[in-house]
Amino acid sequence: MTKSDLVDYVAKKANLTAKAAKDAVNSVFNAVTETLKKGDKVVVTGFGTFMVRSRAARKGRNPQTGAPINIPARKTPGFTAGKALKKSIR
């Protein structure tokens, strides 16, 4: 499902115009993004949890030359599915 498919689905289910549905979907995504930027997590009960995960610095290898390189630490977005979502997929 693409973002435009999601907008169409929300418009149909919530009986909204396409523009209103697009604004609603974008607002949800922006809220999740802004919260994660602050370092907080977003918990949607029954669906899952969005969080920021930290990756430690590590040593890697350049695949072309085989030379060792240092890969810096960074933060990445993460998602853990909730119990209800896992159960509905089974």
PDB file of N, CA and C in Angstrom:
ATOM      1  N   MET A   1       0.849  -1.169   0.000  1.00  0.00           N
ATOM      2  CA  MET A   1       0.000   0.000   0.000  1.00  0.00           C
ATOM      3  C   MET A   1       0.896   1.234   0.000  1.00  0.00           C
ATOM      4  N   THR A   2       0.648   2.129  -0.901  1.00  0.00           N
ATOM      5  CA  THR A   2       1.404   3.373  -0.975  1.00  0.00           C
ATOM      6  C   THR A   2       0.690   4.451  -0.168  1.00  0.00           C
ATOM      7  N   LYS A   3       1.337   5.587  -0.036  1.00  0.00           N
ATOM      8  CA  LYS A   3       0.742   6.684   0.715  1.00  0.00           C
ATOM      9  C   LYS A   3      -0.558   7.153   0.057  1.00  0.00           C
ATOM     10  N   SER A   4      -0.583   7.218  -1.265  1.00  0.00           N
ATOM     11  CA  SER A   4      -1.808   7.649  -1.950  1.00  0.00           C
ATOM     12  C   SER A   4      -2.925   6.624  -1.775  1.00  0.00           C
ATOM     13  N   ASP A   5      -2.581   5.334  -1.735  1.00  0.00           N
ATOM     14  CA  ASP A   5      -3.581   4.304  -1.458  1.00  0.00           C
ATOM     15  C   ASP A   5      -4.143   4.484  -0.054  1.00  0.00           C
ATOM     16  N   LEU A   6      -3.281   4.822   0.897  1.00  0.00           N
ATOM     17  CA  LEU A   6      -3.717   5.046   2.271  1.00  0.00           C
ATOM     18  C   LEU A   6      -4.648   6.253   2.348  1.00  0.00           C
ATOM     19  N   VAL A   7      -4.319   7.307   1.624  1.00  0.00           N
ATOM     20  CA  VAL A   7      -5.174   8.500   1.602  1.00  0.00           C
ATOM     21  C   VAL A   7      -6.545   8.145   1.022  1.00  0.00           C
ATOM     22  N   ASP A   8      -6.570   7.393  -0.054  1.00  0.00           N
ATOM     23  CA  ASP A   8      -7.844   6.974  -0.658  1.00  0.00           C
ATOM     24  C   ASP A   8      -8.662   6.128   0.309  1.00  0.00           C
ATOM     25  N   TYR A   9      -7.993   5.230   1.025  1.00  0.00           N
ATOM     26  CA  TYR A   9      -8.671   4.348   1.985  1.00  0.00           C
ATOM     27  C   TYR A   9      -9.273   5.169   3.127  1.00  0.00           C
ATOM     28  N   VAL A  10      -8.501   6.116   3.659  1.00  0.00           N
ATOM     29  CA  VAL A  10      -8.987   6.961   4.753  1.00  0.00           C
ATOM     30  C   VAL A  10     -10.162   7.810   4.275  1.00  0.00           C
ATOM     31  N   ALA A  11     -10.072   8.349   3.072  1.00  0.00           N
ATOM     32  CA  ALA A  11     -11.160   9.172   2.528  1.00  0.00           C
ATOM     33  C   ALA A  11     -12.440   8.361   2.413  1.00  0.00           C
ATOM     34  N   LYS A  12     -12.310   7.129   1.963  1.00  0.00           N
ATOM     35  CA  LYS A  12     -13.487   6.277   1.781  1.00  0.00           C
ATOM     36  C   LYS A  12     -14.082   5.857   3.133  1.00  0.00           C
ATOM     37  N   LYS A  13     -13.229   5.392   4.051  1.00  0.00           N
ATOM     38  CA  LYS A  13     -13.709   4.892   5.343  1.00  0.00           C
ATOM     39  C   LYS A  13     -14.255   5.995   6.238  1.00  0.00           C
ATOM     40  N   ALA A  14     -13.635   7.169   6.210  1.00  0.00           N
ATOM     41  CA  ALA A  14     -14.046   8.259   7.095  1.00  0.00           C
ATOM     42  C   ALA A  14     -15.012   9.229   6.416  1.00  0.00           C
ATOM     43  N   ASN A  15     -15.364   8.926   5.170  1.00  0.00           N
ATOM     44  CA  ASN A  15     -16.276   9.770   4.406  1.00  0.00           C
ATOM     45  C   ASN A  15     -15.757  11.220   4.347  1.00  0.00           C
ATOM     46  N   LEU A  16     -14.489  11.347   3.966  1.00  0.00           N
ATOM     47  CA  LEU A  16     -13.846  12.643   3.844  1.00  0.00           C
ATOM     48  C   LEU A  16     -13.525  12.924   2.384  1.00  0.00           C
ATOM     49  N   THR A  17     -13.261  14.193   2.097  1.00  0.00           N
ATOM     50  CA  THR A  17     -12.779  14.513   0.760  1.00  0.00           C
ATOM     51  C   THR A  17     -11.329  14.038   0.659  1.00  0.00           C
ATOM     52  N   ALA A  18     -10.838  13.930  -0.559  1.00  0.00           N
ATOM     53  CA  ALA A  18      -9.467  13.471  -0.757  1.00  0.00           C
ATOM     54  C   ALA A  18      -8.477  14.448  -0.116  1.00  0.00           C
ATOM     55  N   LYS A  19      -8.758  15.741  -0.203  1.00  0.00           N
ATOM     56  CA  LYS A  19      -7.863  16.739   0.386  1.00  0.00           C
ATOM     57  C   LYS A  19      -7.853  16.627   1.908  1.00  0.00           C
ATOM     58  N   ALA A  20      -9.023  16.461   2.517  1.00  0.00           N
ATOM     59  CA  ALA A  20      -9.095  16.338   3.976  1.00  0.00           C
ATOM     60  C   ALA A  20      -8.387  15.065   4.445  1.00  0.00           C
ATOM     61  N   ALA A  21      -8.553  13.978   3.706  1.00  0.00           N
ATOM     62  CA  ALA A  21      -7.892  12.728   4.067  1.00  0.00           C
ATOM     63  C   ALA A  21      -6.384  12.853   3.932  1.00  0.00           C
ATOM     64  N   LYS A  22      -5.935  13.529   2.875  1.00  0.00           N
ATOM     65  CA  LYS A  22      -4.498  13.734   2.678  1.00  0.00           C
ATOM     66  C   LYS A  22      -3.918  14.564   3.820  1.00  0.00           C
ATOM     67  N   ASP A  23      -4.641  15.619   4.228  1.00  0.00           N
ATOM     68  CA  ASP A  23      -4.191  16.449   5.345  1.00  0.00           C
ATOM     69  C   ASP A  23      -4.134  15.640   6.640  1.00  0.00           C
ATOM     70  N   ALA A  24      -5.108  14.766   6.851  1.00  0.00           N
ATOM     71  CA  ALA A  24      -5.147  13.949   8.064  1.00  0.00           C
ATOM     72  C   ALA A  24      -3.978  12.971   8.098  1.00  0.00           C
ATOM     73  N   VAL A  25      -3.731  12.295   6.992  1.00  0.00           N
ATOM     74  CA  VAL A  25      -2.631  11.335   6.930  1.00  0.00           C
ATOM     75  C   VAL A  25      -1.290  12.044   7.103  1.00  0.00           C
ATOM     76  N   ASN A  26      -1.114  13.169   6.433  1.00  0.00           N
ATOM     77  CA  ASN A  26       0.130  13.931   6.570  1.00  0.00           C
ATOM     78  C   ASN A  26       0.322  14.433   7.997  1.00  0.00           C
ATOM     79  N   SER A  27      -0.767  14.825   8.656  1.00  0.00           N
ATOM     80  CA  SER A  27      -0.677  15.297  10.037  1.00  0.00           C
ATOM     81  C   SER A  27      -0.217  14.195  10.972  1.00  0.00           C
ATOM     82  N   VAL A  28      -0.727  12.995  10.778  1.00  0.00           N
ATOM     83  CA  VAL A  28      -0.314  11.865  11.616  1.00  0.00           C
ATOM     84  C   VAL A  28       1.162  11.567  11.397  1.00  0.00           C
ATOM     85  N   PHE A  29       1.592  11.509  10.144  1.00  0.00           N
ATOM     86  CA  PHE A  29       2.998  11.229   9.852  1.00  0.00           C
ATOM     87  C   PHE A  29       3.908  12.319  10.407  1.00  0.00           C
ATOM     88  N   ASN A  30       3.488  13.578  10.279  1.00  0.00           N
ATOM     89  CA  ASN A  30       4.288  14.688  10.801  1.00  0.00           C
ATOM     90  C   ASN A  30       4.379  14.632  12.325  1.00  0.00           C
ATOM     91  N   ALA A  31       3.283  14.262  12.993  1.00  0.00           N
ATOM     92  CA  ALA A  31       3.290  14.163  14.451  1.00  0.00           C
ATOM     93  C   ALA A  31       4.255  13.073  14.906  1.00  0.00           C
ATOM     94  N   VAL A  32       4.238  11.926  14.232  1.00  0.00           N
ATOM     95  CA  VAL A  32       5.153  10.835  14.579  1.00  0.00           C
ATOM     96  C   VAL A  32       6.592  11.281  14.340  1.00  0.00           C
ATOM     97  N   THR A  33       6.857  11.922  13.211  1.00  0.00           N
ATOM     98  CA  THR A  33       8.202  12.368  12.869  1.00  0.00           C
ATOM     99  C   THR A  33       8.726  13.382  13.889  1.00  0.00           C
ATOM    100  N   GLU A  34       7.918  14.370  14.233  1.00  0.00           N
ATOM    101  CA  GLU A  34       8.348  15.402  15.179  1.00  0.00           C
ATOM    102  C   GLU A  34       8.608  14.808  16.562  1.00  0.00           C
ATOM    103  N   THR A  35       7.778  13.874  16.982  1.00  0.00           N
ATOM    104  CA  THR A  35       7.966  13.246  18.290  1.00  0.00           C
ATOM    105  C   THR A  35       9.250  12.433  18.317  1.00  0.00           C
ATOM    106  N   LEU A  36       9.530  11.700  17.246  1.00  0.00           N
ATOM    107  CA  LEU A  36      10.761  10.913  17.183  1.00  0.00           C
ATOM    108  C   LEU A  36      11.991  11.814  17.134  1.00  0.00           C
ATOM    109  N   LYS A  37      11.888  12.960  16.461  1.00  0.00           N
ATOM    110  CA  LYS A  37      13.008  13.907  16.414  1.00  0.00           C
ATOM    111  C   LYS A  37      13.381  14.382  17.809  1.00  0.00           C
ATOM    112  N   LYS A  38      12.383  14.516  18.691  1.00  0.00           N
ATOM    113  CA  LYS A  38      12.633  14.942  20.063  1.00  0.00           C
ATOM    114  C   LYS A  38      13.246  13.821  20.905  1.00  0.00           C
ATOM    115  N   GLY A  39      13.213  12.597  20.386  1.00  0.00           N
ATOM    116  CA  GLY A  39      13.747  11.471  21.128  1.00  0.00           C
ATOM    117  C   GLY A  39      12.706  10.717  21.921  1.00  0.00           C
ATOM    118  N   ASP A  40      11.449  11.128  21.818  1.00  0.00           N
ATOM    119  CA  ASP A  40      10.362  10.447  22.519  1.00  0.00           C
ATOM    120  C   ASP A  40       9.842   9.292  21.683  1.00  0.00           C
ATOM    121  N   LYS A  41       9.021   8.443  22.295  1.00  0.00           N
ATOM    122  CA  LYS A  41       8.417   7.366  21.521  1.00  0.00           C
ATOM    123  C   LYS A  41       6.931   7.594  21.377  1.00  0.00           C
ATOM    124  N   VAL A  42       6.354   7.003  20.339  1.00  0.00           N
ATOM    125  CA  VAL A  42       4.932   7.124  20.051  1.00  0.00           C
ATOM    126  C   VAL A  42       4.312   5.758  20.249  1.00  0.00           C
ATOM    127  N   VAL A  43       3.362   5.662  21.185  1.00  0.00           N
ATOM    128  CA  VAL A  43       2.703   4.397  21.477  1.00  0.00           C
ATOM    129  C   VAL A  43       1.274   4.486  20.974  1.00  0.00           C
ATOM    130  N   VAL A  44       0.920   3.607  20.034  1.00  0.00           N
ATOM    131  CA  VAL A  44      -0.444   3.510  19.531  1.00  0.00           C
ATOM    132  C   VAL A  44      -0.972   2.169  20.058  1.00  0.00           C
ATOM    133  N   THR A  45      -1.786   2.240  21.105  1.00  0.00           N
ATOM    134  CA  THR A  45      -2.265   1.039  21.771  1.00  0.00           C
ATOM    135  C   THR A  45      -2.990   0.132  20.785  1.00  0.00           C
ATOM    136  N   GLY A  46      -2.599  -1.125  20.787  1.00  0.00           N
ATOM    137  CA  GLY A  46      -3.205  -2.104  19.900  1.00  0.00           C
ATOM    138  C   GLY A  46      -2.537  -2.178  18.537  1.00  0.00           C
ATOM    139  N   PHE A  47      -1.684  -1.220  18.222  1.00  0.00           N
ATOM    140  CA  PHE A  47      -0.996  -1.217  16.926  1.00  0.00           C
ATOM    141  C   PHE A  47       0.493  -1.436  17.092  1.00  0.00           C
ATOM    142  N   GLY A  48       1.139  -0.555  17.853  1.00  0.00           N
ATOM    143  CA  GLY A  48       2.569  -0.721  18.053  1.00  0.00           C
ATOM    144  C   GLY A  48       3.217   0.526  18.599  1.00  0.00           C
ATOM    145  N   THR A  49       4.547   0.478  18.676  1.00  0.00           N
ATOM    146  CA  THR A  49       5.327   1.564  19.239  1.00  0.00           C
ATOM    147  C   THR A  49       6.415   1.983  18.256  1.00  0.00           C
ATOM    148  N   PHE A  50       6.465   3.282  17.981  1.00  0.00           N
ATOM    149  CA  PHE A  50       7.535   3.862  17.177  1.00  0.00           C
ATOM    150  C   PHE A  50       8.551   4.443  18.154  1.00  0.00           C
ATOM    151  N   MET A  51       9.846   4.170  17.940  1.00  0.00           N
ATOM    152  CA  MET A  51      10.871   4.663  18.847  1.00  0.00           C
ATOM    153  C   MET A  51      12.146   4.967  18.087  1.00  0.00           C
ATOM    154  N   VAL A  52      13.055   5.655  18.763  1.00  0.00           N
ATOM    155  CA  VAL A  52      14.368   5.932  18.202  1.00  0.00           C
ATOM    156  C   VAL A  52      15.332   4.911  18.791  1.00  0.00           C
ATOM    157  N   ARG A  53      16.047   4.221  17.934  1.00  0.00           N
ATOM    158  CA  ARG A  53      17.033   3.245  18.370  1.00  0.00           C
ATOM    159  C   ARG A  53      18.421   3.790  18.075  1.00  0.00           C
ATOM    160  N   SER A  54      19.353   3.459  18.938  1.00  0.00           N
ATOM    161  CA  SER A  54      20.737   3.908  18.748  1.00  0.00           C
ATOM    162  C   SER A  54      21.579   2.753  18.243  1.00  0.00           C
ATOM    163  N   ARG A  55      22.360   3.008  17.233  1.00  0.00           N
ATOM    164  CA  ARG A  55      23.320   2.034  16.726  1.00  0.00           C
ATOM    165  C   ARG A  55      24.704   2.468  17.167  1.00  0.00           C
ATOM    166  N   ALA A  56      25.430   1.562  17.728  1.00  0.00           N
ATOM    167  CA  ALA A  56      26.774   1.873  18.209  1.00  0.00           C
ATOM    168  C   ALA A  56      27.736   2.011  17.033  1.00  0.00           C
ATOM    169  N   ALA A  57      28.821   2.730  17.268  1.00  0.00           N
ATOM    170  CA  ALA A  57      29.872   2.826  16.258  1.00  0.00           C
ATOM    171  C   ALA A  57      30.511   1.440  16.108  1.00  0.00           C
ATOM    172  N   ARG A  58      30.927   1.124  14.907  1.00  0.00           N
ATOM    173  CA  ARG A  58      31.510  -0.203  14.685  1.00  0.00           C
ATOM    174  C   ARG A  58      32.513  -0.137  13.545  1.00  0.00           C
ATOM    175  N   LYS A  59      33.261  -1.181  13.421  1.00  0.00           N
ATOM    176  CA  LYS A  59      34.234  -1.281  12.332  1.00  0.00           C
ATOM    177  C   LYS A  59      33.568  -2.027  11.181  1.00  0.00           C
ATOM    178  N   GLY A  60      33.823  -1.559   9.966  1.00  0.00           N
ATOM    179  CA  GLY A  60      33.298  -2.197   8.768  1.00  0.00           C
ATOM    180  C   GLY A  60      34.419  -2.435   7.781  1.00  0.00           C
ATOM    181  N   ARG A  61      34.027  -2.839   6.582  1.00  0.00           N
ATOM    182  CA  ARG A  61      35.014  -3.128   5.553  1.00  0.00           C
ATOM    183  C   ARG A  61      34.494  -2.612   4.230  1.00  0.00           C
ATOM    184  N   ASN A  62      35.338  -1.901   3.506  1.00  0.00           N
ATOM    185  CA  ASN A  62      34.984  -1.433   2.178  1.00  0.00           C
ATOM    186  C   ASN A  62      34.926  -2.660   1.261  1.00  0.00           C
ATOM    187  N   PRO A  63      33.760  -2.962   0.666  1.00  0.00           N
ATOM    188  CA  PRO A  63      33.643  -4.174  -0.147  1.00  0.00           C
ATOM    189  C   PRO A  63      34.505  -4.157  -1.416  1.00  0.00           C
ATOM    190  N   GLN A  64      34.849  -2.967  -1.918  1.00  0.00           N
ATOM    191  CA  GLN A  64      35.665  -2.906  -3.135  1.00  0.00           C
ATOM    192  C   GLN A  64      37.142  -3.142  -2.862  1.00  0.00           C
ATOM    193  N   THR A  65      37.625  -2.513  -1.794  1.00  0.00           N
ATOM    194  CA  THR A  65      39.066  -2.592  -1.531  1.00  0.00           C
ATOM    195  C   THR A  65      39.426  -3.524  -0.385  1.00  0.00           C
ATOM    196  N   GLY A  66      38.453  -3.834   0.455  1.00  0.00           N
ATOM    197  CA  GLY A  66      38.727  -4.666   1.625  1.00  0.00           C
ATOM    198  C   GLY A  66      39.346  -3.889   2.767  1.00  0.00           C
ATOM    199  N   ALA A  67      39.512  -2.583   2.599  1.00  0.00           N
ATOM    200  CA  ALA A  67      40.117  -1.756   3.643  1.00  0.00           C
ATOM    201  C   ALA A  67      39.145  -1.571   4.809  1.00  0.00           C
ATOM    202  N   PRO A  68      39.641  -1.637   6.029  1.00  0.00           N
ATOM    203  CA  PRO A  68      38.755  -1.413   7.187  1.00  0.00           C
ATOM    204  C   PRO A  68      38.342   0.052   7.266  1.00  0.00           C
ATOM    205  N   ILE A  69      37.099   0.283   7.675  1.00  0.00           N
ATOM    206  CA  ILE A  69      36.589   1.637   7.843  1.00  0.00           C
ATOM    207  C   ILE A  69      35.841   1.707   9.169  1.00  0.00           C
ATOM    208  N   ASN A  70      35.722   2.901   9.703  1.00  0.00           N
ATOM    209  CA  ASN A  70      34.950   3.124  10.915  1.00  0.00           C
ATOM    210  C   ASN A  70      33.565   3.621  10.522  1.00  0.00           C
ATOM    211  N   ILE A  71      32.534   2.955  11.025  1.00  0.00           N
ATOM    212  CA  ILE A  71      31.161   3.366  10.782  1.00  0.00           C
ATOM    213  C   ILE A  71      30.702   4.099  12.043  1.00  0.00           C
ATOM    214  N   PRO A  72      30.304   5.375  11.928  1.00  0.00           N
ATOM    215  CA  PRO A  72      29.959   6.151  13.123  1.00  0.00           C
ATOM    216  C   PRO A  72      28.635   5.707  13.748  1.00  0.00           C
ATOM    217  N   ALA A  73      28.448   6.044  15.025  1.00  0.00           N
ATOM    218  CA  ALA A  73      27.188   5.774  15.714  1.00  0.00           C
ATOM    219  C   ALA A  73      26.099   6.647  15.098  1.00  0.00           C
ATOM    220  N   ARG A  74      24.865   6.139  15.126  1.00  0.00           N
ATOM    221  CA  ARG A  74      23.750   6.926  14.604  1.00  0.00           C
ATOM    222  C   ARG A  74      22.451   6.471  15.224  1.00  0.00           C
ATOM    223  N   LYS A  75      21.433   7.279  15.036  1.00  0.00           N
ATOM    224  CA  LYS A  75      20.095   6.954  15.524  1.00  0.00           C
ATOM    225  C   LYS A  75      19.241   6.541  14.337  1.00  0.00           C
ATOM    226  N   THR A  76      18.396   5.538  14.540  1.00  0.00           N
ATOM    227  CA  THR A  76      17.513   5.073  13.479  1.00  0.00           C
ATOM    228  C   THR A  76      16.099   4.919  14.036  1.00  0.00           C
ATOM    229  N   PRO A  77      15.089   5.106  13.195  1.00  0.00           N
ATOM    230  CA  PRO A  77      13.729   4.877  13.663  1.00  0.00           C
ATOM    231  C   PRO A  77      13.464   3.383  13.780  1.00  0.00           C
ATOM    232  N   GLY A  78      12.658   3.026  14.761  1.00  0.00           N
ATOM    233  CA  GLY A  78      12.308   1.621  14.945  1.00  0.00           C
ATOM    234  C   GLY A  78      10.824   1.474  15.209  1.00  0.00           C
ATOM    235  N   PHE A  79      10.314   0.292  14.988  1.00  0.00           N
ATOM    236  CA  PHE A  79       8.902  -0.002  15.224  1.00  0.00           C
ATOM    237  C   PHE A  79       8.796  -1.386  15.833  1.00  0.00           C
ATOM    238  N   THR A  80       8.000  -1.497  16.872  1.00  0.00           N
ATOM    239  CA  THR A  80       7.688  -2.784  17.472  1.00  0.00           C
ATOM    240  C   THR A  80       6.183  -2.964  17.391  1.00  0.00           C
ATOM    241  N   ALA A  81       5.751  -4.033  16.763  1.00  0.00           N
ATOM    242  CA  ALA A  81       4.327  -4.295  16.603  1.00  0.00           C
ATOM    243  C   ALA A  81       3.702  -4.649  17.947  1.00  0.00           C
ATOM    244  N   GLY A  82       2.476  -4.187  18.149  1.00  0.00           N
ATOM    245  CA  GLY A  82       1.747  -4.489  19.373  1.00  0.00           C
ATOM    246  C   GLY A  82       1.121  -5.870  19.326  1.00  0.00           C
ATOM    247  N   LYS A  83       0.666  -6.317  20.474  1.00  0.00           N
ATOM    248  CA  LYS A  83       0.097  -7.658  20.599  1.00  0.00           C
ATOM    249  C   LYS A  83      -1.127  -7.848  19.700  1.00  0.00           C
ATOM    250  N   ALA A  84      -1.999  -6.846  19.642  1.00  0.00           N
ATOM    251  CA  ALA A  84      -3.217  -6.954  18.828  1.00  0.00           C
ATOM    252  C   ALA A  84      -2.880  -7.039  17.343  1.00  0.00           C
ATOM    253  N   LEU A  85      -1.886  -6.290  16.893  1.00  0.00           N
ATOM    254  CA  LEU A  85      -1.485  -6.322  15.481  1.00  0.00           C
ATOM    255  C   LEU A  85      -0.885  -7.683  15.145  1.00  0.00           C
ATOM    256  N   LYS A  86      -0.029  -8.192  16.009  1.00  0.00           N
ATOM    257  CA  LYS A  86       0.569  -9.505  15.777  1.00  0.00           C
ATOM    258  C   LYS A  86      -0.498 -10.593  15.709  1.00  0.00           C
ATOM    259  N   LYS A  87      -1.464 -10.505  16.619  1.00  0.00           N
ATOM    260  CA  LYS A  87      -2.525 -11.514  16.675  1.00  0.00           C
ATOM    261  C   LYS A  87      -3.408 -11.460  15.434  1.00  0.00           C
ATOM    262  N   SER A  88      -3.690 -10.259  14.918  1.00  0.00           N
ATOM    263  CA  SER A  88      -4.564 -10.133  13.753  1.00  0.00           C
ATOM    264  C   SER A  88      -3.901 -10.639  12.474  1.00  0.00           C
ATOM    265  N   ILE A  89      -2.574 -10.615  12.442  1.00  0.00           N
ATOM    266  CA  ILE A  89      -1.862 -11.070  11.242  1.00  0.00           C
ATOM    267  C   ILE A  89      -1.744 -12.588  11.194  1.00  0.00           C
ATOM    268  N   ARG A  90      -1.667 -13.211  12.349  1.00  0.00           N
ATOM    269  CA  ARG A  90      -1.552 -14.668  12.394  1.00  0.00           C
ATOM    270  C   ARG A  90      -2.732 -15.256  11.756  1.00  0.00           C
TER     271      ARG A  90
END
